[in-house]
Amino acid sequence: MRKILAVAAIAMIATGCYNDKYEELYPKGTVVCDTTTVAFAGDIKPILDSKCNTSGCHDAATASGGYNFTTHAGVQPAMLNGRILGSVKWMSGFSAMPKDLPKLSQCEIDKMTRWMNQGALNN
């Protein structure tokens, strides 16, 4: 019985003494993508403004493809029907966006996905 307890105690010590150091997990300069709360005004609109609207593609004046991404009312339908995510993920059957620019970062795509899954609210 003592042998079993000793083995159990050693096993608990060996597996229970795990200490992560924040600095080792996230080296200085590492950006952690936080998608716990994503809002249109604070997260999605800045992405669209910098990648879709300033290039003269989906602004109010041009509205390329019939899409004006300067307002929530212009973005929500294209988000909920999957057009935006299909394009920014560069999925087959969609035009890769942003046109003539690098693909969005995975964090930007994750934020858009989270916002869509939350109902693409005007928040």
PDB file of N, CA and C in Angstrom:
ATOM      1  N   MET A   1       0.818  -1.183   0.000  1.00  0.00           N
ATOM      2  CA  MET A   1       0.000   0.000   0.000  1.00  0.00           C
ATOM      3  C   MET A   1       0.868   1.255   0.000  1.00  0.00           C
ATOM      4  N   ARG A   2       1.969   1.226   0.749  1.00  0.00           N
ATOM      5  CA  ARG A   2       2.876   2.372   0.788  1.00  0.00           C
ATOM      6  C   ARG A   2       3.509   2.615  -0.572  1.00  0.00           C
ATOM      7  N   LYS A   3       3.804   1.514  -1.276  1.00  0.00           N
ATOM      8  CA  LYS A   3       4.403   1.638  -2.607  1.00  0.00           C
ATOM      9  C   LYS A   3       3.442   2.355  -3.547  1.00  0.00           C
ATOM     10  N   ILE A   4       2.177   1.997  -3.482  1.00  0.00           N
ATOM     11  CA  ILE A   4       1.166   2.608  -4.351  1.00  0.00           C
ATOM     12  C   ILE A   4       1.042   4.096  -4.034  1.00  0.00           C
ATOM     13  N   LEU A   5       1.008   4.431  -2.753  1.00  0.00           N
ATOM     14  CA  LEU A   5       0.916   5.834  -2.359  1.00  0.00           C
ATOM     15  C   LEU A   5       2.146   6.618  -2.785  1.00  0.00           C
ATOM     16  N   ALA A   6       3.298   6.012  -2.664  1.00  0.00           N
ATOM     17  CA  ALA A   6       4.540   6.679  -3.054  1.00  0.00           C
ATOM     18  C   ALA A   6       4.554   6.935  -4.561  1.00  0.00           C
ATOM     19  N   VAL A   7       4.152   5.935  -5.325  1.00  0.00           N
ATOM     20  CA  VAL A   7       4.093   6.089  -6.786  1.00  0.00           C
ATOM     21  C   VAL A   7       3.073   7.152  -7.159  1.00  0.00           C
ATOM     22  N   ALA A   8       1.935   7.158  -6.506  1.00  0.00           N
ATOM     23  CA  ALA A   8       0.897   8.148  -6.779  1.00  0.00           C
ATOM     24  C   ALA A   8       1.398   9.545  -6.432  1.00  0.00           C
ATOM     25  N   ALA A   9       2.093   9.683  -5.337  1.00  0.00           N
ATOM     26  CA  ALA A   9       2.620  10.991  -4.928  1.00  0.00           C
ATOM     27  C   ALA A   9       3.655  11.487  -5.921  1.00  0.00           C
ATOM     28  N   ILE A  10       4.526  10.618  -6.384  1.00  0.00           N
ATOM     29  CA  ILE A  10       5.540  10.994  -7.370  1.00  0.00           C
ATOM     30  C   ILE A  10       4.872  11.405  -8.679  1.00  0.00           C
ATOM     31  N   ALA A  11       3.864  10.661  -9.089  1.00  0.00           N
ATOM     32  CA  ALA A  11       3.142  10.983 -10.318  1.00  0.00           C
ATOM     33  C   ALA A  11       2.463  12.348 -10.206  1.00  0.00           C
ATOM     34  N   MET A  12       1.877  12.632  -9.064  1.00  0.00           N
ATOM     35  CA  MET A  12       1.214  13.924  -8.868  1.00  0.00           C
ATOM     36  C   MET A  12       2.223  15.067  -8.887  1.00  0.00           C
ATOM     37  N   ILE A  13       3.349  14.858  -8.271  1.00  0.00           N
ATOM     38  CA  ILE A  13       4.380  15.892  -8.240  1.00  0.00           C
ATOM     39  C   ILE A  13       4.934  16.129  -9.642  1.00  0.00           C
ATOM     40  N   ALA A  14       5.199  15.054 -10.354  1.00  0.00           N
ATOM     41  CA  ALA A  14       5.780  15.174 -11.691  1.00  0.00           C
ATOM     42  C   ALA A  14       4.838  15.855 -12.675  1.00  0.00           C
ATOM     43  N   THR A  15       3.555  15.575 -12.570  1.00  0.00           N
ATOM     44  CA  THR A  15       2.611  16.161 -13.523  1.00  0.00           C
ATOM     45  C   THR A  15       1.966  17.435 -13.010  1.00  0.00           C
ATOM     46  N   GLY A  16       1.975  17.641 -11.720  1.00  0.00           N
ATOM     47  CA  GLY A  16       1.295  18.796 -11.149  1.00  0.00           C
ATOM     48  C   GLY A  16       2.171  20.015 -10.980  1.00  0.00           C
ATOM     49  N   CYS A  17       3.447  19.888 -11.178  1.00  0.00           N
ATOM     50  CA  CYS A  17       4.362  21.013 -10.988  1.00  0.00           C
ATOM     51  C   CYS A  17       4.765  21.599 -12.330  1.00  0.00           C
ATOM     52  N   TYR A  18       3.815  22.109 -13.011  1.00  0.00           N
ATOM     53  CA  TYR A  18       4.077  22.697 -14.316  1.00  0.00           C
ATOM     54  C   TYR A  18       3.883  24.197 -14.196  1.00  0.00           C
ATOM     55  N   ASN A  19       4.893  24.964 -14.525  1.00  0.00           N
ATOM     56  CA  ASN A  19       4.823  26.401 -14.348  1.00  0.00           C
ATOM     57  C   ASN A  19       5.179  27.090 -15.657  1.00  0.00           C
ATOM     58  N   ASP A  20       4.180  27.704 -16.296  1.00  0.00           N
ATOM     59  CA  ASP A  20       4.430  28.470 -17.505  1.00  0.00           C
ATOM     60  C   ASP A  20       4.858  29.878 -17.124  1.00  0.00           C
ATOM     61  N   LYS A  21       5.849  30.354 -17.802  1.00  0.00           N
ATOM     62  CA  LYS A  21       6.261  31.734 -17.608  1.00  0.00           C
ATOM     63  C   LYS A  21       5.734  32.534 -18.787  1.00  0.00           C
ATOM     64  N   TYR A  22       4.991  33.590 -18.492  1.00  0.00           N
ATOM     65  CA  TYR A  22       4.371  34.414 -19.523  1.00  0.00           C
ATOM     66  C   TYR A  22       5.417  34.860 -20.554  1.00  0.00           C
ATOM     67  N   GLU A  23       6.582  35.260 -20.100  1.00  0.00           N
ATOM     68  CA  GLU A  23       7.628  35.760 -20.988  1.00  0.00           C
ATOM     69  C   GLU A  23       8.110  34.689 -21.958  1.00  0.00           C
ATOM     70  N   GLU A  24       8.073  33.432 -21.536  1.00  0.00           N
ATOM     71  CA  GLU A  24       8.499  32.345 -22.414  1.00  0.00           C
ATOM     72  C   GLU A  24       7.400  31.981 -23.405  1.00  0.00           C
ATOM     73  N   LEU A  25       6.144  32.025 -22.951  1.00  0.00           N
ATOM     74  CA  LEU A  25       5.033  31.708 -23.838  1.00  0.00           C
ATOM     75  C   LEU A  25       4.790  32.811 -24.865  1.00  0.00           C
ATOM     76  N   TYR A  26       4.963  34.054 -24.448  1.00  0.00           N
ATOM     77  CA  TYR A  26       4.712  35.206 -25.307  1.00  0.00           C
ATOM     78  C   TYR A  26       5.927  36.122 -25.279  1.00  0.00           C
ATOM     79  N   PRO A  27       6.929  35.821 -26.112  1.00  0.00           N
ATOM     80  CA  PRO A  27       8.140  36.653 -26.117  1.00  0.00           C
ATOM     81  C   PRO A  27       7.806  38.112 -26.412  1.00  0.00           C
ATOM     82  N   LYS A  28       8.670  38.993 -25.946  1.00  0.00           N
ATOM     83  CA  LYS A  28       8.455  40.427 -26.153  1.00  0.00           C
ATOM     84  C   LYS A  28       8.235  40.700 -27.634  1.00  0.00           C
ATOM     85  N   GLY A  29       7.209  41.472 -27.930  1.00  0.00           N
ATOM     86  CA  GLY A  29       6.896  41.793 -29.318  1.00  0.00           C
ATOM     87  C   GLY A  29       5.848  40.876 -29.924  1.00  0.00           C
ATOM     88  N   THR A  30       5.506  39.787 -29.245  1.00  0.00           N
ATOM     89  CA  THR A  30       4.488  38.878 -29.747  1.00  0.00           C
ATOM     90  C   THR A  30       3.116  39.499 -29.515  1.00  0.00           C
ATOM     91  N   VAL A  31       2.318  39.517 -30.553  1.00  0.00           N
ATOM     92  CA  VAL A  31       0.978  40.062 -30.442  1.00  0.00           C
ATOM     93  C   VAL A  31      -0.003  38.907 -30.302  1.00  0.00           C
ATOM     94  N   VAL A  32      -0.816  38.971 -29.276  1.00  0.00           N
ATOM     95  CA  VAL A  32      -1.827  37.950 -29.052  1.00  0.00           C
ATOM     96  C   VAL A  32      -3.139  38.472 -29.619  1.00  0.00           C
ATOM     97  N   CYS A  33      -3.781  37.666 -30.426  1.00  0.00           N
ATOM     98  CA  CYS A  33      -5.036  38.063 -31.059  1.00  0.00           C
ATOM     99  C   CYS A  33      -6.195  37.775 -30.109  1.00  0.00           C
ATOM    100  N   ASP A  34      -6.824  38.824 -29.637  1.00  0.00           N
ATOM    101  CA  ASP A  34      -7.939  38.681 -28.705  1.00  0.00           C
ATOM    102  C   ASP A  34      -9.256  38.783 -29.461  1.00  0.00           C
ATOM    103  N   THR A  35      -9.989  37.695 -29.507  1.00  0.00           N
ATOM    104  CA  THR A  35     -11.283  37.681 -30.188  1.00  0.00           C
ATOM    105  C   THR A  35     -12.429  37.432 -29.207  1.00  0.00           C
ATOM    106  N   THR A  36     -12.178  37.660 -27.927  1.00  0.00           N
ATOM    107  CA  THR A  36     -13.236  37.403 -26.947  1.00  0.00           C
ATOM    108  C   THR A  36     -14.408  38.367 -27.122  1.00  0.00           C
ATOM    109  N   THR A  37     -14.119  39.625 -27.356  1.00  0.00           N
ATOM    110  CA  THR A  37     -15.179  40.597 -27.646  1.00  0.00           C
ATOM    111  C   THR A  37     -14.775  41.371 -28.886  1.00  0.00           C
ATOM    112  N   VAL A  38     -15.519  41.183 -29.943  1.00  0.00           N
ATOM    113  CA  VAL A  38     -15.245  41.859 -31.204  1.00  0.00           C
ATOM    114  C   VAL A  38     -16.434  42.751 -31.525  1.00  0.00           C
ATOM    115  N   ALA A  39     -16.146  43.997 -31.854  1.00  0.00           N
ATOM    116  CA  ALA A  39     -17.200  44.971 -32.153  1.00  0.00           C
ATOM    117  C   ALA A  39     -16.978  45.567 -33.540  1.00  0.00           C
ATOM    118  N   PHE A  40     -18.063  45.935 -34.175  1.00  0.00           N
ATOM    119  CA  PHE A  40     -17.970  46.545 -35.499  1.00  0.00           C
ATOM    120  C   PHE A  40     -17.131  47.822 -35.461  1.00  0.00           C
ATOM    121  N   ALA A  41     -17.491  48.748 -34.572  1.00  0.00           N
ATOM    122  CA  ALA A  41     -16.829  50.052 -34.537  1.00  0.00           C
ATOM    123  C   ALA A  41     -15.346  49.961 -34.168  1.00  0.00           C
ATOM    124  N   GLY A  42     -15.010  49.125 -33.205  1.00  0.00           N
ATOM    125  CA  GLY A  42     -13.638  49.071 -32.711  1.00  0.00           C
ATOM    126  C   GLY A  42     -12.724  48.096 -33.421  1.00  0.00           C
ATOM    127  N   ASP A  43     -13.282  47.068 -34.045  1.00  0.00           N
ATOM    128  CA  ASP A  43     -12.452  46.023 -34.640  1.00  0.00           C
ATOM    129  C   ASP A  43     -12.647  45.859 -36.150  1.00  0.00           C
ATOM    130  N   ILE A  44     -13.883  45.743 -36.588  1.00  0.00           N
ATOM    131  CA  ILE A  44     -14.167  45.416 -37.991  1.00  0.00           C
ATOM    132  C   ILE A  44     -14.042  46.627 -38.899  1.00  0.00           C
ATOM    133  N   LYS A  45     -14.647  47.736 -38.526  1.00  0.00           N
ATOM    134  CA  LYS A  45     -14.595  48.930 -39.373  1.00  0.00           C
ATOM    135  C   LYS A  45     -13.160  49.393 -39.629  1.00  0.00           C
ATOM    136  N   PRO A  46     -12.274  49.407 -38.617  1.00  0.00           N
ATOM    137  CA  PRO A  46     -10.889  49.800 -38.903  1.00  0.00           C
ATOM    138  C   PRO A  46     -10.192  48.879 -39.927  1.00  0.00           C
ATOM    139  N   ILE A  47     -10.494  47.593 -39.892  1.00  0.00           N
ATOM    140  CA  ILE A  47      -9.923  46.669 -40.884  1.00  0.00           C
ATOM    141  C   ILE A  47     -10.446  47.031 -42.269  1.00  0.00           C
ATOM    142  N   LEU A  48     -11.755  47.194 -42.375  1.00  0.00           N
ATOM    143  CA  LEU A  48     -12.362  47.521 -43.664  1.00  0.00           C
ATOM    144  C   LEU A  48     -11.875  48.872 -44.171  1.00  0.00           C
ATOM    145  N   ASP A  49     -11.779  49.855 -43.280  1.00  0.00           N
ATOM    146  CA  ASP A  49     -11.319  51.178 -43.690  1.00  0.00           C
ATOM    147  C   ASP A  49      -9.896  51.141 -44.231  1.00  0.00           C
ATOM    148  N   SER A  50      -9.036  50.365 -43.609  1.00  0.00           N
ATOM    149  CA  SER A  50      -7.633  50.344 -44.035  1.00  0.00           C
ATOM    150  C   SER A  50      -7.366  49.409 -45.217  1.00  0.00           C
ATOM    151  N   LYS A  51      -8.177  48.388 -45.397  1.00  0.00           N
ATOM    152  CA  LYS A  51      -7.895  47.404 -46.437  1.00  0.00           C
ATOM    153  C   LYS A  51      -8.883  47.432 -47.604  1.00  0.00           C
ATOM    154  N   CYS A  52     -10.089  47.932 -47.387  1.00  0.00           N
ATOM    155  CA  CYS A  52     -11.122  47.845 -48.421  1.00  0.00           C
ATOM    156  C   CYS A  52     -11.610  49.203 -48.919  1.00  0.00           C
ATOM    157  N   ASN A  53     -11.651  50.179 -48.034  1.00  0.00           N
ATOM    158  CA  ASN A  53     -12.234  51.466 -48.389  1.00  0.00           C
ATOM    159  C   ASN A  53     -11.208  52.479 -48.895  1.00  0.00           C
ATOM    160  N   THR A  54     -10.015  52.481 -48.304  1.00  0.00           N
ATOM    161  CA  THR A  54      -9.018  53.471 -48.702  1.00  0.00           C
ATOM    162  C   THR A  54      -8.436  53.185 -50.080  1.00  0.00           C
ATOM    163  N   SER A  55      -8.582  51.981 -50.559  1.00  0.00           N
ATOM    164  CA  SER A  55      -8.053  51.632 -51.880  1.00  0.00           C
ATOM    165  C   SER A  55      -9.000  52.059 -52.996  1.00  0.00           C
ATOM    166  N   GLY A  56     -10.122  52.677 -52.640  1.00  0.00           N
ATOM    167  CA  GLY A  56     -11.081  53.129 -53.643  1.00  0.00           C
ATOM    168  C   GLY A  56     -11.892  51.996 -54.235  1.00  0.00           C
ATOM    169  N   CYS A  57     -12.040  50.918 -53.511  1.00  0.00           N
ATOM    170  CA  CYS A  57     -12.803  49.780 -54.033  1.00  0.00           C
ATOM    171  C   CYS A  57     -14.216  49.721 -53.458  1.00  0.00           C
ATOM    172  N   HIS A  58     -14.327  49.710 -52.156  1.00  0.00           N
ATOM    173  CA  HIS A  58     -15.630  49.523 -51.523  1.00  0.00           C
ATOM    174  C   HIS A  58     -16.026  50.726 -50.675  1.00  0.00           C
ATOM    175  N   ASP A  59     -15.621  51.906 -51.126  1.00  0.00           N
ATOM    176  CA  ASP A  59     -16.045  53.123 -50.439  1.00  0.00           C
ATOM    177  C   ASP A  59     -17.389  53.581 -51.008  1.00  0.00           C
ATOM    178  N   ALA A  60     -17.936  54.655 -50.459  1.00  0.00           N
ATOM    179  CA  ALA A  60     -19.258  55.132 -50.878  1.00  0.00           C
ATOM    180  C   ALA A  60     -19.272  55.564 -52.343  1.00  0.00           C
ATOM    181  N   ALA A  61     -18.188  56.149 -52.828  1.00  0.00           N
ATOM    182  CA  ALA A  61     -18.150  56.665 -54.197  1.00  0.00           C
ATOM    183  C   ALA A  61     -18.014  55.550 -55.231  1.00  0.00           C
ATOM    184  N   THR A  62     -17.219  54.542 -54.922  1.00  0.00           N
ATOM    185  CA  THR A  62     -16.930  53.485 -55.899  1.00  0.00           C
ATOM    186  C   THR A  62     -17.856  52.283 -55.756  1.00  0.00           C
ATOM    187  N   ALA A  63     -18.005  51.792 -54.544  1.00  0.00           N
ATOM    188  CA  ALA A  63     -18.849  50.625 -54.241  1.00  0.00           C
ATOM    189  C   ALA A  63     -18.653  49.503 -55.263  1.00  0.00           C
ATOM    190  N   SER A  64     -17.407  49.118 -55.460  1.00  0.00           N
ATOM    191  CA  SER A  64     -17.065  48.057 -56.408  1.00  0.00           C
ATOM    192  C   SER A  64     -17.871  46.794 -56.124  1.00  0.00           C
ATOM    193  N   GLY A  65     -18.409  46.210 -57.168  1.00  0.00           N
ATOM    194  CA  GLY A  65     -19.230  45.010 -57.036  1.00  0.00           C
ATOM    195  C   GLY A  65     -20.553  45.277 -56.343  1.00  0.00           C
ATOM    196  N   GLY A  66     -20.883  46.550 -56.159  1.00  0.00           N
ATOM    197  CA  GLY A  66     -22.116  46.907 -55.472  1.00  0.00           C
ATOM    198  C   GLY A  66     -21.979  46.918 -53.957  1.00  0.00           C
ATOM    199  N   TYR A  67     -20.743  46.806 -53.463  1.00  0.00           N
ATOM    200  CA  TYR A  67     -20.514  46.749 -52.020  1.00  0.00           C
ATOM    201  C   TYR A  67     -19.900  48.047 -51.509  1.00  0.00           C
ATOM    202  N   ASN A  68     -20.589  48.681 -50.571  1.00  0.00           N
ATOM    203  CA  ASN A  68     -20.101  49.867 -49.880  1.00  0.00           C
ATOM    204  C   ASN A  68     -19.854  49.460 -48.437  1.00  0.00           C
ATOM    205  N   PHE A  69     -18.587  49.373 -48.059  1.00  0.00           N
ATOM    206  CA  PHE A  69     -18.227  48.916 -46.719  1.00  0.00           C
ATOM    207  C   PHE A  69     -17.909  50.056 -45.763  1.00  0.00           C
ATOM    208  N   THR A  70     -18.422  51.257 -46.045  1.00  0.00           N
ATOM    209  CA  THR A  70     -18.169  52.378 -45.146  1.00  0.00           C
ATOM    210  C   THR A  70     -19.169  52.444 -44.002  1.00  0.00           C
ATOM    211  N   THR A  71     -20.254  51.688 -44.093  1.00  0.00           N
ATOM    212  CA  THR A  71     -21.274  51.689 -43.044  1.00  0.00           C
ATOM    213  C   THR A  71     -21.621  50.260 -42.638  1.00  0.00           C
ATOM    214  N   HIS A  72     -22.160  50.121 -41.456  1.00  0.00           N
ATOM    215  CA  HIS A  72     -22.595  48.813 -40.992  1.00  0.00           C
ATOM    216  C   HIS A  72     -23.654  48.236 -41.929  1.00  0.00           C
ATOM    217  N   ALA A  73     -24.581  49.083 -42.374  1.00  0.00           N
ATOM    218  CA  ALA A  73     -25.660  48.625 -43.269  1.00  0.00           C
ATOM    219  C   ALA A  73     -25.104  48.072 -44.585  1.00  0.00           C
ATOM    220  N   GLY A  74     -23.962  48.565 -45.014  1.00  0.00           N
ATOM    221  CA  GLY A  74     -23.350  48.054 -46.228  1.00  0.00           C
ATOM    222  C   GLY A  74     -22.544  46.786 -46.015  1.00  0.00           C
ATOM    223  N   VAL A  75     -22.042  46.618 -44.808  1.00  0.00           N
ATOM    224  CA  VAL A  75     -21.177  45.470 -44.493  1.00  0.00           C
ATOM    225  C   VAL A  75     -21.973  44.237 -44.071  1.00  0.00           C
ATOM    226  N   GLN A  76     -22.967  44.419 -43.225  1.00  0.00           N
ATOM    227  CA  GLN A  76     -23.662  43.290 -42.605  1.00  0.00           C
ATOM    228  C   GLN A  76     -24.189  42.256 -43.606  1.00  0.00           C
ATOM    229  N   PRO A  77     -24.906  42.653 -44.670  1.00  0.00           N
ATOM    230  CA  PRO A  77     -25.414  41.624 -45.587  1.00  0.00           C
ATOM    231  C   PRO A  77     -24.301  40.804 -46.244  1.00  0.00           C
ATOM    232  N   ALA A  78     -23.215  41.468 -46.633  1.00  0.00           N
ATOM    233  CA  ALA A  78     -22.104  40.760 -47.277  1.00  0.00           C
ATOM    234  C   ALA A  78     -21.353  39.873 -46.295  1.00  0.00           C
ATOM    235  N   MET A  79     -21.410  40.226 -45.022  1.00  0.00           N
ATOM    236  CA  MET A  79     -20.778  39.378 -44.003  1.00  0.00           C
ATOM    237  C   MET A  79     -21.642  38.162 -43.725  1.00  0.00           C
ATOM    238  N   LEU A  80     -22.920  38.391 -43.527  1.00  0.00           N
ATOM    239  CA  LEU A  80     -23.811  37.286 -43.163  1.00  0.00           C
ATOM    240  C   LEU A  80     -24.028  36.293 -44.303  1.00  0.00           C
ATOM    241  N   ASN A  81     -23.907  36.731 -45.559  1.00  0.00           N
ATOM    242  CA  ASN A  81     -24.066  35.782 -46.665  1.00  0.00           C
ATOM    243  C   ASN A  81     -22.756  35.092 -47.036  1.00  0.00           C
ATOM    244  N   GLY A  82     -21.679  35.417 -46.319  1.00  0.00           N
ATOM    245  CA  GLY A  82     -20.406  34.728 -46.515  1.00  0.00           C
ATOM    246  C   GLY A  82     -19.502  35.324 -47.576  1.00  0.00           C
ATOM    247  N   ARG A  83     -19.931  36.367 -48.275  1.00  0.00           N
ATOM    248  CA  ARG A  83     -19.123  36.959 -49.344  1.00  0.00           C
ATOM    249  C   ARG A  83     -17.804  37.523 -48.816  1.00  0.00           C
ATOM    250  N   ILE A  84     -17.878  38.269 -47.729  1.00  0.00           N
ATOM    251  CA  ILE A  84     -16.643  38.889 -47.225  1.00  0.00           C
ATOM    252  C   ILE A  84     -15.664  37.828 -46.753  1.00  0.00           C
ATOM    253  N   LEU A  85     -16.120  36.910 -45.918  1.00  0.00           N
ATOM    254  CA  LEU A  85     -15.191  35.899 -45.397  1.00  0.00           C
ATOM    255  C   LEU A  85     -14.639  35.007 -46.502  1.00  0.00           C
ATOM    256  N   GLY A  86     -15.474  34.634 -47.460  1.00  0.00           N
ATOM    257  CA  GLY A  86     -14.982  33.825 -48.576  1.00  0.00           C
ATOM    258  C   GLY A  86     -13.879  34.538 -49.338  1.00  0.00           C
ATOM    259  N   SER A  87     -14.034  35.839 -49.504  1.00  0.00           N
ATOM    260  CA  SER A  87     -13.042  36.627 -50.241  1.00  0.00           C
ATOM    261  C   SER A  87     -11.770  36.855 -49.437  1.00  0.00           C
ATOM    262  N   VAL A  88     -11.889  37.228 -48.157  1.00  0.00           N
ATOM    263  CA  VAL A  88     -10.681  37.510 -47.379  1.00  0.00           C
ATOM    264  C   VAL A  88      -9.937  36.233 -46.979  1.00  0.00           C
ATOM    265  N   LYS A  89     -10.636  35.109 -46.986  1.00  0.00           N
ATOM    266  CA  LYS A  89      -9.956  33.827 -46.730  1.00  0.00           C
ATOM    267  C   LYS A  89      -9.369  33.242 -48.006  1.00  0.00           C
ATOM    268  N   TRP A  90      -9.624  33.905 -49.125  1.00  0.00           N
ATOM    269  CA  TRP A  90      -9.155  33.490 -50.443  1.00  0.00           C
ATOM    270  C   TRP A  90      -9.644  32.079 -50.777  1.00  0.00           C
ATOM    271  N   MET A  91     -10.923  31.850 -50.501  1.00  0.00           N
ATOM    272  CA  MET A  91     -11.529  30.547 -50.749  1.00  0.00           C
ATOM    273  C   MET A  91     -11.862  30.383 -52.231  1.00  0.00           C
ATOM    274  N   SER A  92     -11.869  29.144 -52.673  1.00  0.00           N
ATOM    275  CA  SER A  92     -12.226  28.821 -54.050  1.00  0.00           C
ATOM    276  C   SER A  92     -13.648  29.297 -54.333  1.00  0.00           C
ATOM    277  N   GLY A  93     -13.840  29.911 -55.495  1.00  0.00           N
ATOM    278  CA  GLY A  93     -15.156  30.407 -55.878  1.00  0.00           C
ATOM    279  C   GLY A  93     -15.402  31.852 -55.484  1.00  0.00           C
ATOM    280  N   PHE A  94     -14.445  32.477 -54.809  1.00  0.00           N
ATOM    281  CA  PHE A  94     -14.553  33.878 -54.394  1.00  0.00           C
ATOM    282  C   PHE A  94     -13.377  34.658 -54.966  1.00  0.00           C
ATOM    283  N   SER A  95     -13.577  35.935 -55.198  1.00  0.00           N
ATOM    284  CA  SER A  95     -12.471  36.807 -55.616  1.00  0.00           C
ATOM    285  C   SER A  95     -11.605  37.095 -54.403  1.00  0.00           C
ATOM    286  N   ALA A  96     -10.316  36.809 -54.511  1.00  0.00           N
ATOM    287  CA  ALA A  96      -9.398  37.039 -53.394  1.00  0.00           C
ATOM    288  C   ALA A  96      -9.309  38.528 -53.092  1.00  0.00           C
ATOM    289  N   MET A  97      -9.570  38.877 -51.856  1.00  0.00           N
ATOM    290  CA  MET A  97      -9.542  40.276 -51.415  1.00  0.00           C
ATOM    291  C   MET A  97      -8.640  40.407 -50.195  1.00  0.00           C
ATOM    292  N   PRO A  98      -8.053  41.551 -50.009  1.00  0.00           N
ATOM    293  CA  PRO A  98      -8.153  42.754 -50.814  1.00  0.00           C
ATOM    294  C   PRO A  98      -7.390  42.601 -52.128  1.00  0.00           C
ATOM    295  N   LYS A  99      -7.966  43.138 -53.171  1.00  0.00           N
ATOM    296  CA  LYS A  99      -7.401  43.003 -54.514  1.00  0.00           C
ATOM    297  C   LYS A  99      -6.052  43.709 -54.597  1.00  0.00           C
ATOM    298  N   ASP A 100      -5.090  42.995 -55.151  1.00  0.00           N
ATOM    299  CA  ASP A 100      -3.728  43.504 -55.367  1.00  0.00           C
ATOM    300  C   ASP A 100      -3.005  43.882 -54.072  1.00  0.00           C
ATOM    301  N   LEU A 101      -3.454  43.356 -52.951  1.00  0.00           N
ATOM    302  CA  LEU A 101      -2.790  43.572 -51.666  1.00  0.00           C
ATOM    303  C   LEU A 101      -2.570  42.220 -50.994  1.00  0.00           C
ATOM    304  N   PRO A 102      -1.680  42.158 -50.001  1.00  0.00           N
ATOM    305  CA  PRO A 102      -1.486  40.896 -49.286  1.00  0.00           C
ATOM    306  C   PRO A 102      -2.757  40.452 -48.574  1.00  0.00           C
ATOM    307  N   LYS A 103      -2.834  39.167 -48.340  1.00  0.00           N
ATOM    308  CA  LYS A 103      -3.959  38.593 -47.597  1.00  0.00           C
ATOM    309  C   LYS A 103      -4.011  39.202 -46.204  1.00  0.00           C
ATOM    310  N   LEU A 104      -5.216  39.351 -45.668  1.00  0.00           N
ATOM    311  CA  LEU A 104      -5.370  39.838 -44.302  1.00  0.00           C
ATOM    312  C   LEU A 104      -4.643  38.908 -43.342  1.00  0.00           C
ATOM    313  N   SER A 105      -4.259  39.443 -42.197  1.00  0.00           N
ATOM    314  CA  SER A 105      -3.611  38.603 -41.185  1.00  0.00           C
ATOM    315  C   SER A 105      -4.631  37.602 -40.642  1.00  0.00           C
ATOM    316  N   GLN A 106      -4.136  36.528 -40.079  1.00  0.00           N
ATOM    317  CA  GLN A 106      -5.028  35.529 -39.494  1.00  0.00           C
ATOM    318  C   GLN A 106      -5.846  36.142 -38.365  1.00  0.00           C
ATOM    319  N   CYS A 107      -5.252  37.071 -37.625  1.00  0.00           N
ATOM    320  CA  CYS A 107      -5.979  37.735 -36.540  1.00  0.00           C
ATOM    321  C   CYS A 107      -7.150  38.543 -37.100  1.00  0.00           C
ATOM    322  N   GLU A 108      -6.924  39.273 -38.183  1.00  0.00           N
ATOM    323  CA  GLU A 108      -8.005  40.053 -38.787  1.00  0.00           C
ATOM    324  C   GLU A 108      -9.132  39.143 -39.270  1.00  0.00           C
ATOM    325  N   ILE A 109      -8.750  38.034 -39.878  1.00  0.00           N
ATOM    326  CA  ILE A 109      -9.753  37.063 -40.353  1.00  0.00           C
ATOM    327  C   ILE A 109     -10.499  36.447 -39.171  1.00  0.00           C
ATOM    328  N   ASP A 110      -9.778  36.126 -38.104  1.00  0.00           N
ATOM    329  CA  ASP A 110     -10.412  35.558 -36.911  1.00  0.00           C
ATOM    330  C   ASP A 110     -11.405  36.537 -36.290  1.00  0.00           C
ATOM    331  N   LYS A 111     -11.053  37.811 -36.268  1.00  0.00           N
ATOM    332  CA  LYS A 111     -11.965  38.820 -35.718  1.00  0.00           C
ATOM    333  C   LYS A 111     -13.216  38.929 -36.577  1.00  0.00           C
ATOM    334  N   MET A 112     -13.054  38.922 -37.884  1.00  0.00           N
ATOM    335  CA  MET A 112     -14.207  39.004 -38.779  1.00  0.00           C
ATOM    336  C   MET A 112     -15.100  37.774 -38.607  1.00  0.00           C
ATOM    337  N   THR A 113     -14.488  36.614 -38.491  1.00  0.00           N
ATOM    338  CA  THR A 113     -15.243  35.374 -38.310  1.00  0.00           C
ATOM    339  C   THR A 113     -16.026  35.409 -37.002  1.00  0.00           C
ATOM    340  N   ARG A 114     -15.377  35.842 -35.952  1.00  0.00           N
ATOM    341  CA  ARG A 114     -16.038  35.928 -34.639  1.00  0.00           C
ATOM    342  C   ARG A 114     -17.215  36.901 -34.693  1.00  0.00           C
ATOM    343  N   TRP A 115     -16.994  38.054 -35.327  1.00  0.00           N
ATOM    344  CA  TRP A 115     -18.054  39.068 -35.423  1.00  0.00           C
ATOM    345  C   TRP A 115     -19.234  38.520 -36.211  1.00  0.00           C
ATOM    346  N   MET A 116     -18.949  37.820 -37.301  1.00  0.00           N
ATOM    347  CA  MET A 116     -20.025  37.223 -38.093  1.00  0.00           C
ATOM    348  C   MET A 116     -20.788  36.190 -37.260  1.00  0.00           C
ATOM    349  N   ASN A 117     -20.061  35.346 -36.544  1.00  0.00           N
ATOM    350  CA  ASN A 117     -20.699  34.317 -35.727  1.00  0.00           C
ATOM    351  C   ASN A 117     -21.530  34.912 -34.589  1.00  0.00           C
ATOM    352  N   GLN A 118     -21.247  36.152 -34.227  1.00  0.00           N
ATOM    353  CA  GLN A 118     -22.022  36.846 -33.200  1.00  0.00           C
ATOM    354  C   GLN A 118     -23.243  37.554 -33.805  1.00  0.00           C
ATOM    355  N   GLY A 119     -23.408  37.443 -35.115  1.00  0.00           N
ATOM    356  CA  GLY A 119     -24.561  38.052 -35.775  1.00  0.00           C
ATOM    357  C   GLY A 119     -24.253  39.331 -36.518  1.00  0.00           C
ATOM    358  N   ALA A 120     -22.968  39.699 -36.614  1.00  0.00           N
ATOM    359  CA  ALA A 120     -22.546  40.912 -37.326  1.00  0.00           C
ATOM    360  C   ALA A 120     -23.318  42.130 -36.835  1.00  0.00           C
ATOM    361  N   LEU A 121     -23.328  42.295 -35.527  1.00  0.00           N
ATOM    362  CA  LEU A 121     -24.089  43.373 -34.889  1.00  0.00           C
ATOM    363  C   LEU A 121     -23.476  44.744 -35.129  1.00  0.00           C
ATOM    364  N   ASN A 122     -24.299  45.765 -35.039  1.00  0.00           N
ATOM    365  CA  ASN A 122     -23.831  47.150 -35.159  1.00  0.00           C
ATOM    366  C   ASN A 122     -23.423  47.612 -33.761  1.00  0.00           C
ATOM    367  N   ASN A 123     -22.286  47.135 -33.316  1.00  0.00           N
ATOM    368  CA  ASN A 123     -21.801  47.445 -31.962  1.00  0.00           C
ATOM    369  C   ASN A 123     -20.479  48.163 -31.988  1.00  0.00           C
TER     370      ASN A 123
END
